Amino acid sequence: MPPRITINRADGELQIWLNPEGRDLLVRQLQSLSETNDHFHIMPEEMAPELPSRNCAYQAGAEILEWGKVLFRPDEWDSRYYPTS
């Protein structure tokens, strides 16, 4: 089966719905993040992104999130570029 990944917000909560192939793809993308490969894109599946999203809601009233980006930020980068007070 092709990966199925649906990301939505319902009742203020982020929900990620996956079939086994979608789970495996998400894990591979997360594991590929590094200081030299620091992000990947989430886009509708017809655009052939790194992580394809679907626009099929699993719950009535859920807000579908088809577009996004996952960013890798090591602690060193945050300390240097985003210091906290």
Protein backbone atom coordinates (compact mmCIF):
# COMPACT_ATOMS: atom_id res chain seq x y z
CA MET A 1 0.00 0.00 0.00
CA PRO A 2 1.17 3.58 -0.56
CA PRO A 3 1.85 5.70 2.53
CA ARG A 4 -1.19 7.45 4.00
CA ILE A 5 -0.46 10.39 6.26
CA THR A 6 -3.19 12.75 7.42
CA ILE A 7 -2.35 15.59 9.78
CA ASN A 8 -5.14 17.53 11.40
CA ARG A 9 -6.06 19.64 14.39
CA ALA A 10 -9.16 18.70 16.36
CA ASP A 11 -10.22 20.20 19.68
CA GLY A 12 -6.89 22.07 19.90
CA GLU A 13 -4.88 18.86 19.53
CA LEU A 14 -2.50 17.91 16.72
CA GLN A 15 -3.32 14.46 15.35
CA ILE A 16 -1.27 12.43 12.87
CA TRP A 17 -3.09 9.51 11.25
CA LEU A 18 -0.83 6.90 9.59
CA ASN A 19 -0.99 3.54 7.92
CA PRO A 20 2.09 1.27 8.39
CA GLU A 21 3.76 2.61 5.22
CA GLY A 22 3.12 6.21 6.31
CA ARG A 23 4.59 5.48 9.73
CA ASP A 24 7.71 3.96 8.19
CA LEU A 25 8.16 6.92 5.83
CA LEU A 26 7.75 9.44 8.68
CA VAL A 27 10.31 7.58 10.80
CA ARG A 28 12.79 7.42 7.87
CA GLN A 29 12.40 11.15 7.25
CA LEU A 30 12.90 11.95 10.93
CA GLN A 31 15.96 9.71 11.15
CA SER A 32 17.47 11.36 8.06
CA LEU A 33 17.56 14.79 9.73
CA SER A 34 21.05 16.06 10.55
CA GLU A 35 23.11 19.23 10.62
CA THR A 36 23.57 18.94 6.84
CA ASN A 37 19.97 17.83 6.12
CA ASP A 38 18.06 20.01 8.56
CA HIS A 39 14.46 19.90 7.31
CA PHE A 40 11.88 18.19 5.17
CA HIS A 41 8.60 19.37 3.68
CA ILE A 42 5.06 18.12 4.16
CA MET A 43 2.87 18.76 1.12
CA PRO A 44 -0.11 17.25 -0.68
CA GLU A 45 0.74 13.84 -2.09
CA GLU A 46 0.23 14.88 -5.73
CA MET A 47 3.23 17.25 -5.40
CA ALA A 48 5.60 14.33 -4.64
CA PRO A 49 7.11 15.88 -1.49
CA GLU A 50 9.43 14.24 1.00
CA LEU A 51 6.41 13.55 3.22
CA PRO A 52 3.06 13.38 1.38
CA SER A 53 -0.06 14.50 3.21
CA ARG A 54 -3.68 13.66 2.48
CA ASN A 55 -6.68 15.94 2.74
CA CYS A 56 -9.14 13.27 3.88
CA ALA A 57 -10.45 14.02 7.38
CA TYR A 58 -10.99 11.12 9.75
CA GLN A 59 -13.19 13.22 12.05
CA ALA A 60 -15.98 15.65 11.31
CA GLY A 61 -14.90 19.23 11.93
CA ALA A 62 -11.16 18.47 11.94
CA GLU A 63 -8.91 21.12 10.38
CA ILE A 64 -6.67 19.38 7.83
CA LEU A 65 -3.04 20.53 7.72
CA GLU A 66 -1.61 19.66 4.29
CA TRP A 67 1.44 21.95 4.29
CA GLY A 68 4.30 22.05 6.75
CA LYS A 69 7.97 21.70 7.45
CA VAL A 70 9.85 19.64 10.04
CA LEU A 71 13.04 21.37 11.23
CA PHE A 72 16.04 19.83 12.97
CA ARG A 73 17.55 22.12 15.60
CA PRO A 74 20.44 20.78 17.71
CA ASP A 75 20.87 22.31 21.17
CA GLU A 76 24.09 24.01 20.05
CA TRP A 77 22.22 25.90 17.31
CA ASP A 78 19.53 27.01 19.73
CA SER A 79 22.15 28.18 22.24
CA ARG A 80 23.96 30.17 19.57
CA TYR A 81 21.10 31.55 17.47
CA TYR A 82 18.11 31.51 19.84
CA PRO A 83 19.48 32.19 23.33
CA THR A 84 16.96 32.23 26.14
CA SER A 85 17.06 34.74 28.93
